[in-house]
N, C-alpha and C. Protein backbone atom coordinates (compact mmCIF):
# COMPACT_ATOMS: atom_id res chain seq x y z
N UNK A 1 -92.01 -62.21 77.31
CA UNK A 1 -91.77 -62.69 78.82
C UNK A 1 -92.16 -64.04 79.01
N UNK A 2 -91.52 -64.62 79.98
CA UNK A 2 -92.10 -66.23 80.20
C UNK A 2 -92.13 -66.86 79.14
N UNK A 3 -91.24 -67.03 77.93
CA UNK A 3 -90.92 -67.78 77.08
C UNK A 3 -89.64 -68.82 77.13
N UNK A 4 -90.18 -69.93 77.22
CA UNK A 4 -89.00 -70.88 77.13
C UNK A 4 -89.11 -71.63 76.11
N UNK A 5 -88.00 -72.17 75.41
CA UNK A 5 -87.91 -73.47 74.26
C UNK A 5 -87.27 -74.61 74.73
N UNK A 6 -87.98 -75.49 74.89
CA UNK A 6 -87.12 -76.71 75.44
C UNK A 6 -87.10 -77.68 74.16
N UNK A 7 -86.03 -77.86 73.57
CA UNK A 7 -85.84 -78.29 72.29
C UNK A 7 -86.24 -79.66 72.18
N UNK A 8 -85.59 -80.28 72.99
CA UNK A 8 -86.15 -81.72 73.07
C UNK A 8 -87.66 -82.10 73.24
N UNK A 9 -88.27 -81.38 73.93
CA UNK A 9 -89.99 -81.68 74.18
C UNK A 9 -90.45 -80.92 72.43
N UNK A 10 -89.73 -80.00 72.14
CA UNK A 10 -90.28 -79.68 70.82
C UNK A 10 -90.21 -80.72 69.60
N UNK A 11 -89.05 -81.16 69.64
CA UNK A 11 -88.52 -82.15 68.42
C UNK A 11 -89.39 -83.60 68.85
N UNK A 12 -89.68 -83.67 70.20
CA UNK A 12 -90.70 -85.13 70.43
C UNK A 12 -91.76 -84.76 69.78
N UNK A 13 -92.72 -83.58 69.90
CA UNK A 13 -93.72 -82.92 69.61
C UNK A 13 -94.01 -83.13 68.13
N UNK A 14 -92.95 -82.85 67.29
CA UNK A 14 -92.81 -82.98 65.78
C UNK A 14 -92.82 -84.20 65.12
N UNK A 15 -92.25 -85.39 66.12
CA UNK A 15 -91.91 -86.69 65.91
C UNK A 15 -93.08 -87.65 65.19
N UNK A 16 -93.49 -88.07 64.18
CA UNK A 16 -94.43 -88.84 64.02
C UNK A 16 -94.40 -90.20 64.63
N UNK A 17 -95.52 -90.96 64.68
CA UNK A 17 -95.50 -92.29 65.23
C UNK A 17 -94.79 -93.02 64.10
N UNK A 18 -93.74 -93.58 64.67
CA UNK A 18 -92.85 -94.48 63.86
C UNK A 18 -92.96 -96.12 64.23
N UNK A 19 -93.13 -97.05 62.86
CA UNK A 19 -93.11 -98.22 63.22
C UNK A 19 -91.47 -98.67 63.37
N UNK A 20 -91.17 -99.58 64.53
CA UNK A 20 -89.90 -100.06 64.41
C UNK A 20 -89.53 -100.75 63.23
N UNK A 21 -88.12 -100.63 63.00
CA UNK A 21 -88.09 -101.57 61.87
C UNK A 21 -87.21 -103.02 62.30
N UNK A 22 -88.09 -104.16 62.49
CA UNK A 22 -87.53 -105.25 62.90
C UNK A 22 -87.73 -106.50 61.91
N UNK A 23 -86.66 -107.53 61.87
CA UNK A 23 -86.77 -108.68 60.97
C UNK A 23 -88.29 -109.18 60.86
N UNK A 24 -89.15 -109.09 61.85
CA UNK A 24 -90.41 -109.67 61.60
C UNK A 24 -91.30 -109.05 60.52
N UNK A 25 -90.69 -107.69 60.09
CA UNK A 25 -91.82 -107.26 59.04
C UNK A 25 -91.47 -107.90 57.68
N UNK A 26 -92.62 -107.95 57.19
CA UNK A 26 -92.47 -108.47 55.66
C UNK A 26 -91.53 -107.27 54.91
N UNK A 27 -91.00 -107.80 53.68
CA UNK A 27 -90.43 -106.62 52.89
C UNK A 27 -91.08 -105.31 52.42
N UNK A 28 -92.28 -105.41 52.12
CA UNK A 28 -93.18 -104.06 51.77
C UNK A 28 -93.05 -103.25 52.99
N UNK A 29 -93.45 -104.18 54.02
CA UNK A 29 -93.72 -102.98 55.59
C UNK A 29 -92.26 -102.44 55.91
N UNK A 30 -91.31 -103.61 55.80
CA UNK A 30 -89.90 -103.16 56.47
C UNK A 30 -89.38 -102.03 55.16
N UNK A 31 -89.70 -101.79 53.84
CA UNK A 31 -89.33 -100.55 52.99
C UNK A 31 -89.79 -99.44 53.48
N UNK A 32 -91.33 -99.66 54.04
CA UNK A 32 -92.43 -98.34 54.07
C UNK A 32 -91.53 -97.92 55.21
N UNK A 33 -91.19 -98.67 56.65
CA UNK A 33 -91.03 -98.28 57.93
C UNK A 33 -89.47 -97.50 57.89
N UNK A 34 -88.39 -98.26 56.93
CA UNK A 34 -87.22 -97.31 56.41
C UNK A 34 -87.24 -96.00 55.92
N UNK A 35 -88.45 -95.99 54.96
CA UNK A 35 -88.62 -95.01 54.41
C UNK A 35 -89.09 -93.75 55.37
N UNK A 36 -90.23 -94.10 56.28
CA UNK A 36 -90.80 -93.50 57.12
C UNK A 36 -89.54 -92.94 58.04
N UNK A 37 -88.74 -93.44 58.43
CA UNK A 37 -87.65 -93.29 59.36
C UNK A 37 -86.71 -92.32 58.96
N UNK A 38 -86.52 -92.52 57.39
CA UNK A 38 -85.57 -91.50 56.69
C UNK A 38 -86.10 -90.45 56.43
N UNK A 39 -87.45 -90.26 56.24
CA UNK A 39 -88.25 -89.08 56.14
C UNK A 39 -88.03 -88.14 57.57
N UNK A 40 -88.18 -88.86 58.49
CA UNK A 40 -88.15 -88.23 60.07
C UNK A 40 -86.63 -87.86 60.10
N UNK A 41 -85.94 -88.27 59.86
CA UNK A 41 -84.42 -88.21 59.99
C UNK A 41 -84.14 -86.70 59.37
N UNK A 42 -84.54 -86.66 58.21
CA UNK A 42 -84.24 -85.46 57.15
C UNK A 42 -85.07 -84.45 57.83
N UNK A 43 -86.50 -84.63 58.41
CA UNK A 43 -87.11 -83.28 58.84
C UNK A 43 -86.59 -83.01 60.12
N UNK A 44 -86.25 -83.90 60.89
CA UNK A 44 -85.35 -83.67 62.18
C UNK A 44 -84.37 -82.62 62.05
N UNK A 45 -83.54 -82.98 60.56
CA UNK A 45 -82.23 -82.18 60.52
C UNK A 45 -82.26 -80.95 60.38
N UNK A 46 -83.61 -80.83 59.22
CA UNK A 46 -84.22 -79.40 59.28
C UNK A 46 -84.20 -78.55 60.11
N UNK A 47 -85.32 -79.24 61.18
CA UNK A 47 -85.65 -78.41 62.39
C UNK A 47 -84.61 -78.41 63.27
N UNK A 48 -83.60 -78.89 63.22
CA UNK A 48 -82.16 -78.57 64.26
C UNK A 48 -81.42 -77.70 63.53
N UNK A 49 -81.52 -77.59 62.24
CA UNK A 49 -80.45 -76.66 61.76
C UNK A 49 -81.37 -75.04 61.75
N UNK A 50 -82.77 -75.22 61.71
CA UNK A 50 -83.63 -74.11 62.02
C UNK A 50 -83.49 -73.57 63.31
N UNK A 51 -83.29 -74.44 64.51
CA UNK A 51 -83.26 -73.95 66.01
C UNK A 51 -81.75 -73.43 65.85
N UNK A 52 -81.08 -73.88 65.44
CA UNK A 52 -79.49 -73.49 65.57
C UNK A 52 -79.51 -71.92 65.18
N UNK A 53 -80.30 -71.94 64.41
CA UNK A 53 -80.30 -69.99 63.43
C UNK A 53 -81.07 -69.38 64.44
N UNK A 54 -81.96 -69.83 65.10
CA UNK A 54 -82.92 -69.02 66.08
C UNK A 54 -81.86 -68.71 67.36
N UNK A 55 -81.77 -67.11 67.25
CA UNK A 55 -81.46 -66.94 68.33
C UNK A 55 -82.07 -65.72 69.59
N UNK A 56 -83.31 -65.57 69.20
CA UNK A 56 -84.41 -65.19 70.13
C UNK A 56 -85.27 -66.07 70.19
N UNK A 57 -86.54 -66.01 70.98
CA UNK A 57 -87.86 -66.72 71.06
C UNK A 57 -88.58 -65.76 70.07
N UNK A 58 -88.50 -64.77 69.64
CA UNK A 58 -89.36 -63.89 69.18
C UNK A 58 -89.44 -64.74 67.24
N UNK A 59 -88.26 -65.19 67.22
CA UNK A 59 -88.06 -66.04 66.03
C UNK A 59 -89.22 -67.23 65.56
N UNK A 60 -89.65 -67.68 66.98
CA UNK A 60 -90.48 -68.67 66.95
C UNK A 60 -92.04 -68.45 66.65
N UNK A 61 -92.16 -67.13 66.86
CA UNK A 61 -93.48 -66.70 66.84
C UNK A 61 -93.95 -66.03 65.32
N UNK A 62 -95.07 -66.90 64.72
CA UNK A 62 -95.73 -66.74 63.52
C UNK A 62 -96.75 -65.73 63.53
N UNK A 63 -97.56 -65.77 64.61
CA UNK A 63 -98.76 -64.96 64.87
C UNK A 63 -99.20 -64.67 66.30
N UNK A 64 -99.81 -63.71 66.48
CA UNK A 64 -100.16 -63.62 68.01
C UNK A 64 -101.17 -62.89 67.96
N UNK A 65 -102.45 -62.84 68.75
CA UNK A 65 -103.32 -62.38 68.90
C UNK A 65 -103.70 -61.88 70.52
N UNK A 66 -104.51 -60.76 70.46
CA UNK A 66 -104.75 -60.42 72.16
C UNK A 66 -106.28 -60.12 72.08
N UNK A 67 -106.83 -60.79 73.50
CA UNK A 67 -108.15 -60.74 73.60
C UNK A 67 -108.32 -59.80 74.87
N UNK A 68 -108.46 -58.23 74.91
CA UNK A 68 -108.17 -57.80 75.88
C UNK A 68 -109.23 -58.02 76.92
N UNK A 69 -110.16 -58.78 76.69
CA UNK A 69 -111.50 -59.21 77.84
C UNK A 69 -111.85 -60.36 77.81
N UNK A 70 -110.79 -61.24 78.13
CA UNK A 70 -111.21 -62.71 77.74
C UNK A 70 -112.36 -63.45 78.50
N UNK A 71 -112.25 -62.79 79.85
CA UNK A 71 -113.46 -63.54 80.87
C UNK A 71 -114.59 -63.31 80.47
N UNK A 72 -114.62 -62.25 79.72
CA UNK A 72 -116.01 -61.62 79.48
C UNK A 72 -117.13 -62.37 78.35
N UNK A 73 -116.21 -63.25 77.57
CA UNK A 73 -116.90 -63.82 76.47
C UNK A 73 -117.32 -65.15 77.08
N UNK A 74 -118.31 -65.97 77.28
CA UNK A 74 -118.03 -67.01 77.86
C UNK A 74 -119.20 -67.93 76.83
N UNK A 75 -118.90 -69.00 76.25
CA UNK A 75 -119.33 -69.74 75.14
C UNK A 75 -120.69 -70.69 75.82
N UNK A 76 -121.48 -71.21 75.25
CA UNK A 76 -122.43 -72.27 75.70
C UNK A 76 -122.25 -73.55 76.53
N UNK A 77 -120.82 -73.72 76.29
CA UNK A 77 -120.08 -75.00 77.53
C UNK A 77 -119.79 -73.93 78.67
N UNK A 78 -119.92 -72.67 78.95
CA UNK A 78 -119.46 -72.42 80.35
C UNK A 78 -117.92 -71.86 80.36
N UNK A 79 -117.19 -72.03 79.25
CA UNK A 79 -115.94 -71.58 79.25
C UNK A 79 -115.53 -70.61 78.14
N UNK A 80 -114.59 -69.94 78.79
CA UNK A 80 -114.46 -68.17 77.87
C UNK A 80 -113.99 -68.41 76.54
N UNK A 81 -114.57 -67.83 75.41
CA UNK A 81 -114.31 -67.64 74.01
C UNK A 81 -113.30 -66.91 73.79
N UNK A 82 -112.15 -67.10 73.01
CA UNK A 82 -111.17 -66.23 72.68
C UNK A 82 -111.58 -65.00 71.44
N UNK A 83 -111.89 -63.83 71.80
CA UNK A 83 -112.52 -63.05 70.33
C UNK A 83 -111.10 -61.93 70.40
N UNK A 84 -110.62 -62.36 69.10
CA UNK A 84 -109.47 -61.21 68.77
C UNK A 84 -109.67 -59.76 68.53
N UNK A 85 -108.90 -59.21 69.43
CA UNK A 85 -109.19 -57.59 69.53
C UNK A 85 -108.07 -57.23 68.94
N UNK A 86 -106.93 -57.56 68.93
CA UNK A 86 -105.83 -57.18 68.26
C UNK A 86 -105.04 -58.45 67.73
N UNK A 87 -104.32 -58.15 66.89
CA UNK A 87 -103.19 -59.36 66.02
C UNK A 87 -102.02 -58.86 65.21
N UNK A 88 -101.00 -59.63 65.23
CA UNK A 88 -100.16 -59.42 64.71
C UNK A 88 -99.44 -60.45 64.07
N UNK A 89 -99.19 -60.63 62.75
CA UNK A 89 -98.52 -61.91 62.17
C UNK A 89 -97.63 -61.61 61.12
N UNK A 90 -96.63 -62.51 60.78
CA UNK A 90 -95.51 -62.58 59.85
C UNK A 90 -96.37 -62.39 58.28
N UNK A 91 -95.73 -61.50 57.56
CA UNK A 91 -96.39 -61.43 56.22
C UNK A 91 -95.04 -61.83 55.48
N UNK A 92 -95.15 -62.97 54.46
CA UNK A 92 -93.96 -63.50 53.65
C UNK A 92 -94.45 -62.67 52.56
N UNK A 93 -93.30 -62.00 52.12
CA UNK A 93 -93.33 -61.14 50.82
C UNK A 93 -92.40 -61.80 49.19
N UNK A 94 -91.91 -62.81 49.86
CA UNK A 94 -91.28 -63.74 48.78
C UNK A 94 -90.03 -64.73 49.77
N UNK A 95 -89.67 -64.92 48.40
CA UNK A 95 -88.32 -65.78 49.53
C UNK A 95 -87.33 -64.91 50.21
N UNK A 96 -87.38 -65.64 51.41
CA UNK A 96 -86.69 -64.86 52.58
C UNK A 96 -86.89 -63.41 52.84
N UNK A 97 -88.10 -62.71 52.33
CA UNK A 97 -88.68 -61.27 52.52
C UNK A 97 -89.85 -61.63 53.30
N UNK A 98 -89.51 -61.08 54.57
CA UNK A 98 -90.76 -61.30 55.59
C UNK A 98 -90.74 -59.95 56.47
N UNK A 99 -92.20 -59.60 56.37
CA UNK A 99 -92.39 -58.52 57.17
C UNK A 99 -92.27 -58.79 58.76
N UNK A 100 -91.64 -57.96 59.92
CA UNK A 100 -91.49 -58.62 61.34
C UNK A 100 -92.94 -58.50 61.99
N UNK A 101 -93.14 -59.29 62.90
CA UNK A 101 -94.37 -59.03 63.92
C UNK A 101 -93.82 -57.72 64.34
N UNK A 102 -95.08 -57.04 65.00
CA UNK A 102 -95.31 -56.14 66.20
C UNK A 102 -95.45 -57.02 67.16
N UNK A 103 -94.41 -56.57 68.17
CA UNK A 103 -94.45 -57.19 69.33
C UNK A 103 -94.96 -56.33 70.74
N UNK A 104 -95.33 -55.34 70.48
CA UNK A 104 -96.00 -54.73 71.36
C UNK A 104 -97.44 -54.11 71.35
N UNK A 105 -98.21 -54.11 71.87
CA UNK A 105 -99.73 -54.02 72.09
C UNK A 105 -100.06 -53.21 73.03
N UNK A 106 -101.14 -52.21 72.86
CA UNK A 106 -101.57 -51.52 73.95
C UNK A 106 -103.09 -51.51 73.86
N UNK A 107 -103.83 -51.06 74.85
CA UNK A 107 -105.45 -51.18 75.02
C UNK A 107 -105.92 -50.27 76.36
N UNK A 108 -106.67 -49.55 75.80
CA UNK A 108 -106.86 -48.18 76.98
C UNK A 108 -108.56 -48.53 77.21
N UNK A 109 -108.83 -49.10 78.42
CA UNK A 109 -109.81 -49.32 79.04
C UNK A 109 -110.68 -48.28 78.92
N UNK A 110 -112.32 -48.53 78.56
CA UNK A 110 -113.21 -47.17 78.93
C UNK A 110 -113.64 -47.13 80.48
N UNK A 111 -113.49 -48.19 81.29
CA UNK A 111 -114.30 -48.22 82.42
C UNK A 111 -113.19 -48.91 83.43
N UNK A 112 -112.91 -48.28 84.52
CA UNK A 112 -112.03 -49.05 85.27
C UNK A 112 -112.71 -50.59 85.97
N UNK A 113 -111.73 -51.53 86.62
CA UNK A 113 -112.44 -52.82 86.58
C UNK A 113 -111.22 -53.91 86.43
N UNK A 114 -111.47 -55.26 86.84
CA UNK A 114 -110.81 -56.36 86.63
C UNK A 114 -111.14 -56.87 85.36
N UNK A 115 -109.98 -56.80 84.35
CA UNK A 115 -109.92 -57.59 82.96
C UNK A 115 -108.78 -59.14 83.20
N UNK A 116 -109.40 -59.61 82.31
CA UNK A 116 -108.31 -60.70 82.04
C UNK A 116 -107.83 -60.72 80.36
N UNK A 117 -106.81 -60.64 80.46
CA UNK A 117 -106.09 -60.67 78.97
C UNK A 117 -105.67 -61.63 78.61
N UNK A 118 -106.05 -62.22 77.40
CA UNK A 118 -105.15 -63.89 76.50
C UNK A 118 -104.81 -63.33 75.39
N UNK A 119 -103.55 -63.79 75.30
CA UNK A 119 -102.71 -63.91 74.49
C UNK A 119 -102.55 -65.21 73.75
N UNK A 120 -102.94 -65.21 72.28
CA UNK A 120 -102.86 -66.80 71.68
C UNK A 120 -101.78 -66.42 70.96
N UNK A 121 -100.91 -67.41 70.77
CA UNK A 121 -99.70 -67.45 70.34
C UNK A 121 -99.36 -68.81 69.34
N UNK A 122 -99.15 -68.44 67.90
CA UNK A 122 -99.08 -69.57 66.83
C UNK A 122 -97.70 -69.71 66.86
N UNK A 123 -96.82 -70.76 67.00
CA UNK A 123 -95.15 -70.91 66.15
C UNK A 123 -95.40 -70.96 65.01
N UNK A 124 -94.01 -71.00 64.33
CA UNK A 124 -93.81 -71.04 63.21
C UNK A 124 -93.91 -72.60 62.37
N UNK A 125 -94.01 -73.49 63.55
CA UNK A 125 -94.34 -74.73 63.22
C UNK A 125 -95.73 -75.11 63.45
N UNK A 126 -96.54 -74.13 63.93
CA UNK A 126 -97.84 -74.30 63.90
C UNK A 126 -98.85 -74.60 65.41
N UNK A 127 -97.77 -74.97 66.07
CA UNK A 127 -98.34 -75.08 67.55
C UNK A 127 -98.92 -73.85 68.14
N UNK A 128 -99.99 -73.87 69.01
CA UNK A 128 -100.41 -72.50 69.35
C UNK A 128 -100.92 -72.83 71.08
N UNK A 129 -100.79 -71.83 71.80
CA UNK A 129 -101.32 -71.83 73.08
C UNK A 129 -101.81 -70.25 73.51
N UNK A 130 -102.12 -70.47 74.72
CA UNK A 130 -102.84 -69.25 75.09
C UNK A 130 -102.13 -69.18 76.58
N UNK A 131 -102.07 -67.72 76.57
CA UNK A 131 -101.64 -67.24 78.00
C UNK A 131 -102.48 -66.12 78.79
N UNK A 132 -102.65 -66.31 80.08
CA UNK A 132 -103.74 -65.45 80.70
C UNK A 132 -103.07 -63.95 81.67
N UNK A 133 -103.41 -63.22 81.81
CA UNK A 133 -103.06 -62.37 82.71
C UNK A 133 -104.18 -61.36 83.33
N UNK A 134 -104.03 -61.48 84.45
CA UNK A 134 -105.38 -60.66 85.35
C UNK A 134 -104.91 -59.58 85.23
N UNK A 135 -105.28 -58.25 85.07
CA UNK A 135 -105.08 -56.89 85.66
C UNK A 135 -106.19 -55.85 85.83
N UNK A 136 -106.10 -55.22 86.78
CA UNK A 136 -106.82 -54.44 87.61
C UNK A 136 -106.59 -52.80 86.94
N UNK A 137 -107.73 -52.34 86.38
CA UNK A 137 -107.79 -51.05 85.74
C UNK A 137 -108.25 -50.03 86.86
N UNK A 138 -107.55 -49.23 87.24
CA UNK A 138 -107.89 -47.66 88.05
C UNK A 138 -108.57 -46.68 87.48
N UNK A 139 -109.07 -45.83 88.25
CA UNK A 139 -109.90 -44.61 87.73
C UNK A 139 -108.86 -43.83 87.31
């Protein structure tokens, strides 16, 4: 839920800082800049091919973990610390063989109260993020 893939932003996030190829570059610098541009174009083509084959957002997720009581773990800097209580990740068994992710998780709280759940997701390209949800557990 609430997962959106912005292909252009994603591609920009993957693109390395490339030196422009100009006439003012020395021959060795020009050769290096051209090679870097070519490597990026090849990588971009691979990424675009993968993106075209992906038909659901779940295909982007490589790993995800949940901290069922995120707000309860505070570090020395006063900020919450993610403490993994549950996780699921793809297990690669060989070429083209991957165990699927578990996409549902449950928790039963011992006490009623207000809890903050944090889900940390890492995508297949190594990017990660955290999403927070506040829940009220009744009696």
